[in-house]
Amino acid sequence: MNGHSREAALTASSPDPTTDFGYQRVPREDKARRVRGVFDSVADNYDLMNDLMSGGVHRLWKRFALSLTGLRPGQCALDVAGGTGDIALGLARQVTSAGLVVLTDINAAMLAHGRDRLLDAGHVRGVECVQANAEQLPFAAGSFHCVTIAFGLRNVTDKAAALASMGRTLKPGGQLIVLEFSKPIEALRPAYDAYSFHLLPLLGRVVAKDEASYRYLAESIRMHPDQETLLGMMQGAGLEGCRYHNLSGGIVAVHRGYRY
């Protein structure tokens, strides 16, 4: 059984007290602590490393995801596992100060960077920052017109619970947008593997002084459900009209689903 199908099976029945942390198996209750440690380590260099790792293309992926929100001034949006706040900043520009954007992350260091980015951009009204677990979001049902999560779902222990939690917070007709690394087309895989397991840890060691965290990031991508598996998980969370868009040959995918 490959990593994608194993994750789906564990999520469906959860008989196994362990889960993946990269290629390791760890107690399910321990993954959040380990992930928090990774992002405590990388928080100060997170934006720089994103630019270096993707050659700046991550900005185009995020811009495309933001173009799908359909948000209008005065509406409400939630960015889950929002890290240093670049998606939340885009949402804030869409809803304007007449609306509301809530940025959440389980990691306090990442959330602090996100708060600073939003404040530096002048968004002092209509933006809130909340430390929260994606699996148990502390918001009332039907609170948001759009919920986003960008490059955060693969780090969640119980992805099905997170999808259900995010879906619950949507207003009727509201949309969940998931931007995440996925499974590239066959022709790209040899080069992508070489990059992920050789160049990426090297960048981590040289720039961030943290090879282990970036090796985990590469492994976590491989353990994340592929496009079709994640599509099925979103449908299983009660979302409708689900579909996905492959970007950069499937290296990244944007999944979308609605709460009706």
Protein backbone atom coordinates (compact mmCIF):
# COMPACT_ATOMS: atom_id res chain seq x y z
CA MET A 1 0.00 0.00 0.00
CA ASN A 2 1.50 3.38 -0.99
CA GLY A 3 1.62 6.46 1.24
CA HIS A 4 -1.51 8.00 -0.28
CA SER A 5 -3.75 4.99 0.11
CA ARG A 6 -2.39 4.25 3.58
CA GLU A 7 -3.26 7.79 4.71
CA ALA A 8 -6.76 7.46 3.30
CA ALA A 9 -7.28 4.12 5.05
CA LEU A 10 -6.04 5.47 8.39
CA THR A 11 -8.24 8.52 8.07
CA ALA A 12 -11.31 6.43 7.27
CA SER A 13 -11.10 4.06 10.23
CA SER A 14 -8.24 5.34 12.48
CA PRO A 15 -7.43 1.89 13.94
CA ASP A 16 -3.72 2.69 14.01
CA PRO A 17 -2.45 4.70 17.02
CA THR A 18 0.40 6.01 14.86
CA THR A 19 0.56 8.41 11.93
CA ASP A 20 3.17 9.67 9.48
CA PHE A 21 5.71 12.33 10.32
CA GLY A 22 7.52 12.41 7.03
CA TYR A 23 8.61 8.83 6.49
CA GLN A 24 8.56 8.04 10.22
CA ARG A 25 5.64 6.52 12.11
CA VAL A 26 4.95 8.41 15.34
CA PRO A 27 2.13 8.34 17.93
CA ARG A 28 -0.84 10.30 16.58
CA GLU A 29 -0.90 12.51 19.65
CA ASP A 30 2.77 13.40 19.08
CA LYS A 31 2.61 14.65 15.48
CA ALA A 32 1.31 18.14 16.25
CA ARG A 33 4.17 18.70 18.71
CA ARG A 34 6.73 17.56 16.17
CA VAL A 35 5.24 19.70 13.40
CA ARG A 36 5.20 22.66 15.78
CA GLY A 37 8.91 22.08 16.39
CA VAL A 38 9.64 22.09 12.66
CA PHE A 39 7.88 25.40 12.13
CA ASP A 40 9.38 26.96 15.26
CA SER A 41 12.71 26.21 13.61
CA VAL A 42 11.91 27.51 10.13
CA ALA A 43 9.67 30.50 10.97
CA ASP A 44 12.35 33.20 10.69
CA ASN A 45 13.46 32.02 7.24
CA TYR A 46 10.12 30.73 5.97
CA ASP A 47 9.40 33.39 3.33
CA LEU A 48 12.97 33.50 2.06
CA MET A 49 13.09 29.71 1.77
CA ASN A 50 9.76 29.64 -0.08
CA ASP A 51 11.22 31.98 -2.69
CA LEU A 52 14.43 29.98 -2.97
CA MET A 53 12.74 26.56 -3.04
CA SER A 54 10.24 27.47 -5.74
CA GLY A 55 12.15 30.13 -7.63
CA GLY A 56 9.36 32.50 -6.63
CA VAL A 57 6.70 30.38 -8.36
CA HIS A 58 4.86 29.87 -5.06
CA ARG A 59 3.64 33.45 -5.47
CA LEU A 60 1.94 32.54 -8.75
CA TRP A 61 0.36 29.43 -7.21
CA LYS A 62 -1.04 31.53 -4.37
CA ARG A 63 -2.21 34.24 -6.75
CA PHE A 64 -4.14 31.63 -8.73
CA ALA A 65 -5.76 30.23 -5.57
CA LEU A 66 -6.77 33.73 -4.51
CA SER A 67 -8.29 34.37 -7.94
CA LEU A 68 -10.79 31.56 -7.24
CA THR A 69 -12.26 32.89 -3.99
CA GLY A 70 -15.05 35.00 -5.49
CA LEU A 71 -14.87 37.21 -2.40
CA ARG A 72 -16.38 40.68 -2.42
CA PRO A 73 -15.88 43.71 -0.16
CA GLY A 74 -17.62 43.25 3.17
CA GLN A 75 -17.49 39.44 3.21
CA CYS A 76 -15.76 37.14 5.71
CA ALA A 77 -12.82 34.81 5.04
CA LEU A 78 -10.76 32.38 7.08
CA ASP A 79 -7.18 31.34 6.32
CA VAL A 80 -6.22 28.15 8.17
CA ALA A 81 -2.60 27.21 8.92
CA GLY A 82 -1.87 30.58 7.36
CA GLY A 83 1.73 30.83 8.45
CA THR A 84 3.32 34.15 7.65
CA GLY A 85 0.13 35.65 6.29
CA ASP A 86 0.58 36.03 2.53
CA ILE A 87 -2.74 34.36 1.69
CA ALA A 88 -4.50 36.27 4.48
CA LEU A 89 -3.10 39.50 3.08
CA GLY A 90 -4.57 38.67 -0.32
CA LEU A 91 -7.92 37.87 1.27
CA ALA A 92 -7.87 41.14 3.21
CA ARG A 93 -7.37 43.08 -0.01
CA GLN A 94 -10.39 41.31 -1.51
CA VAL A 95 -12.84 41.87 1.35
CA THR A 96 -11.41 45.34 2.22
CA SER A 97 -11.67 46.87 5.68
CA ALA A 98 -15.46 46.50 5.42
CA GLY A 99 -15.04 42.72 5.69
CA LEU A 100 -13.29 40.32 8.03
CA VAL A 101 -10.30 38.03 7.58
CA VAL A 102 -9.26 35.61 10.32
CA LEU A 103 -5.76 34.18 10.15
CA THR A 104 -5.15 31.01 12.15
CA ASP A 105 -2.14 28.81 12.75
CA ILE A 106 -1.34 26.21 15.37
CA ASN A 107 2.19 27.62 15.63
CA ALA A 108 2.64 30.81 17.64
CA ALA A 109 5.91 31.81 15.95
CA MET A 110 4.42 31.54 12.47
CA LEU A 111 1.27 33.38 13.56
CA ALA A 112 3.37 36.23 14.96
CA HIS A 113 5.07 36.64 11.59
CA GLY A 114 1.67 36.67 9.89
CA ARG A 115 0.33 39.30 12.27
CA ASP A 116 3.37 41.49 11.64
CA ARG A 117 2.96 41.20 7.86
CA LEU A 118 -0.68 42.24 8.02
CA LEU A 119 0.08 45.16 10.31
CA ASP A 120 3.00 46.28 8.14
CA ALA A 121 0.64 46.26 5.14
CA GLY A 122 -1.72 48.60 7.00
CA HIS A 123 -4.47 46.07 7.77
CA VAL A 124 -5.28 47.14 11.31
CA ARG A 125 -9.06 46.83 10.86
CA GLY A 126 -11.04 43.82 9.74
CA VAL A 127 -8.26 41.30 10.47
CA GLU A 128 -7.95 38.93 13.44
CA CYS A 129 -5.25 36.40 14.31
CA VAL A 130 -6.19 33.28 16.29
CA GLN A 131 -3.94 30.41 17.36
CA ALA A 132 -6.00 27.32 16.55
CA ASN A 133 -5.81 23.68 15.48
CA ALA A 134 -7.27 23.06 12.02
CA GLU A 135 -8.97 19.92 13.32
CA GLN A 136 -10.97 21.85 15.93
CA LEU A 137 -11.55 25.38 14.69
CA PRO A 138 -13.13 27.60 17.38
CA PHE A 139 -15.64 29.32 15.11
CA ALA A 140 -19.40 29.00 14.81
CA ALA A 141 -20.89 27.03 11.95
CA GLY A 142 -21.65 29.13 8.90
CA SER A 143 -19.25 31.96 9.74
CA PHE A 144 -17.28 32.44 6.50
CA HIS A 145 -17.88 32.95 2.80
CA CYS A 146 -14.53 31.35 1.96
CA VAL A 147 -11.99 29.22 3.82
CA THR A 148 -8.46 28.70 2.53
CA ILE A 149 -5.58 26.49 3.56
CA ALA A 150 -2.31 26.76 1.63
CA PHE A 151 0.51 24.25 2.13
CA GLY A 152 -0.80 23.37 5.58
CA LEU A 153 -3.08 20.36 5.18
CA ARG A 154 -0.23 17.86 4.76
CA ASN A 155 1.02 18.77 8.25
CA VAL A 156 -2.33 18.04 9.93
CA THR A 157 -2.62 14.77 11.86
CA ASP A 158 -6.27 14.04 11.03
CA LYS A 159 -6.90 15.50 7.60
CA ALA A 160 -10.50 14.29 7.46
CA ALA A 161 -11.25 16.05 10.74
CA ALA A 162 -9.64 19.24 9.46
CA LEU A 163 -11.63 19.17 6.21
CA ALA A 164 -14.85 18.63 8.19
CA SER A 165 -13.94 21.41 10.62
CA MET A 166 -13.22 23.87 7.82
CA GLY A 167 -16.33 22.86 5.92
CA ARG A 168 -18.48 23.35 9.03
CA THR A 169 -17.45 27.00 9.28
CA LEU A 170 -18.62 27.82 5.73
CA LYS A 171 -21.81 29.72 5.06
CA PRO A 172 -24.28 28.07 2.64
CA GLY A 173 -22.70 28.49 -0.78
CA GLY A 174 -19.31 29.10 0.79
CA GLN A 175 -16.16 27.65 -0.72
CA LEU A 176 -13.18 25.75 0.70
CA ILE A 177 -9.92 26.17 -1.24
CA VAL A 178 -7.00 23.82 -0.54
CA LEU A 179 -3.64 24.70 -2.12
CA GLU A 180 -1.14 21.91 -1.56
CA PHE A 181 1.74 19.97 -3.07
CA SER A 182 0.48 16.94 -4.92
CA LYS A 183 1.57 14.21 -7.34
CA PRO A 184 3.37 15.48 -10.47
CA ILE A 185 3.07 13.94 -13.91
CA GLU A 186 5.34 10.95 -14.58
CA ALA A 187 7.78 12.89 -16.77
CA LEU A 188 8.61 15.30 -13.92
CA ARG A 189 9.12 12.77 -11.14
CA PRO A 190 12.84 11.89 -11.54
CA ALA A 191 13.91 15.55 -11.56
CA TYR A 192 11.40 16.41 -8.81
CA ASP A 193 12.70 13.60 -6.58
CA ALA A 194 16.30 14.67 -7.12
CA TYR A 195 15.39 18.23 -6.24
CA SER A 196 13.33 17.27 -3.19
CA PHE A 197 15.79 14.90 -1.56
CA HIS A 198 19.10 16.51 -2.51
CA LEU A 199 18.81 20.20 -3.33
CA LEU A 200 16.04 21.06 -0.84
CA PRO A 201 17.87 19.69 2.24
CA LEU A 202 21.03 21.39 1.00
CA LEU A 203 19.22 24.74 0.83
CA GLY A 204 17.89 24.08 4.32
CA ARG A 205 21.37 23.41 5.65
CA VAL A 206 23.07 26.36 3.95
CA VAL A 207 20.39 29.06 4.26
CA ALA A 208 18.27 28.09 7.26
CA LYS A 209 20.91 26.04 9.10
CA ASP A 210 18.28 23.30 9.43
CA GLU A 211 18.61 20.38 7.04
CA ALA A 212 16.34 18.04 9.05
CA SER A 213 13.27 20.29 8.89
CA TYR A 214 13.50 20.63 5.12
CA ARG A 215 14.02 16.91 4.70
CA TYR A 216 10.79 16.45 6.67
CA LEU A 217 9.02 18.92 4.36
CA ALA A 218 10.08 16.88 1.32
CA GLU A 219 8.93 13.65 2.96
CA SER A 220 5.62 15.15 4.09
CA ILE A 221 4.82 16.06 0.48
CA ARG A 222 5.28 12.42 -0.57
CA MET A 223 2.98 11.21 2.22
CA HIS A 224 0.18 13.64 1.38
CA PRO A 225 -2.87 12.23 -0.47
CA ASP A 226 -2.71 12.57 -4.24
CA GLN A 227 -5.22 14.60 -6.26
CA GLU A 228 -7.96 11.99 -6.56
CA THR A 229 -7.61 10.80 -2.96
CA LEU A 230 -7.92 14.31 -1.59
CA LEU A 231 -10.89 14.96 -3.87
CA GLY A 232 -12.62 11.95 -2.33
CA MET A 233 -11.78 13.12 1.18
CA MET A 234 -13.36 16.51 0.51
CA GLN A 235 -16.50 14.82 -0.78
CA GLY A 236 -16.44 12.61 2.31
CA ALA A 237 -16.36 15.76 4.46
CA GLY A 238 -19.72 16.77 2.96
CA LEU A 239 -18.46 19.28 0.41
CA GLU A 240 -20.13 19.44 -3.00
CA GLY A 241 -19.06 20.46 -6.49
CA CYS A 242 -15.53 19.34 -5.66
CA ARG A 243 -12.84 19.59 -8.31
CA TYR A 244 -9.15 20.36 -8.63
CA HIS A 245 -6.74 22.25 -10.84
CA ASN A 246 -3.19 20.96 -11.41
CA LEU A 247 -0.44 23.58 -11.44
CA SER A 248 3.15 23.14 -12.65
CA GLY A 249 2.48 19.66 -13.97
CA GLY A 250 0.74 18.49 -10.80
CA ILE A 251 3.57 19.48 -8.45
CA VAL A 252 0.87 21.60 -6.81
CA ALA A 253 -2.92 21.30 -6.98
CA VAL A 254 -5.77 23.56 -5.94
CA HIS A 255 -8.82 21.65 -4.68
CA ARG A 256 -12.18 23.39 -4.32
CA GLY A 257 -15.49 22.40 -2.74
CA TYR A 258 -18.69 24.10 -1.59
CA ARG A 259 -21.04 23.92 1.39
CA TYR A 260 -24.66 23.98 0.18
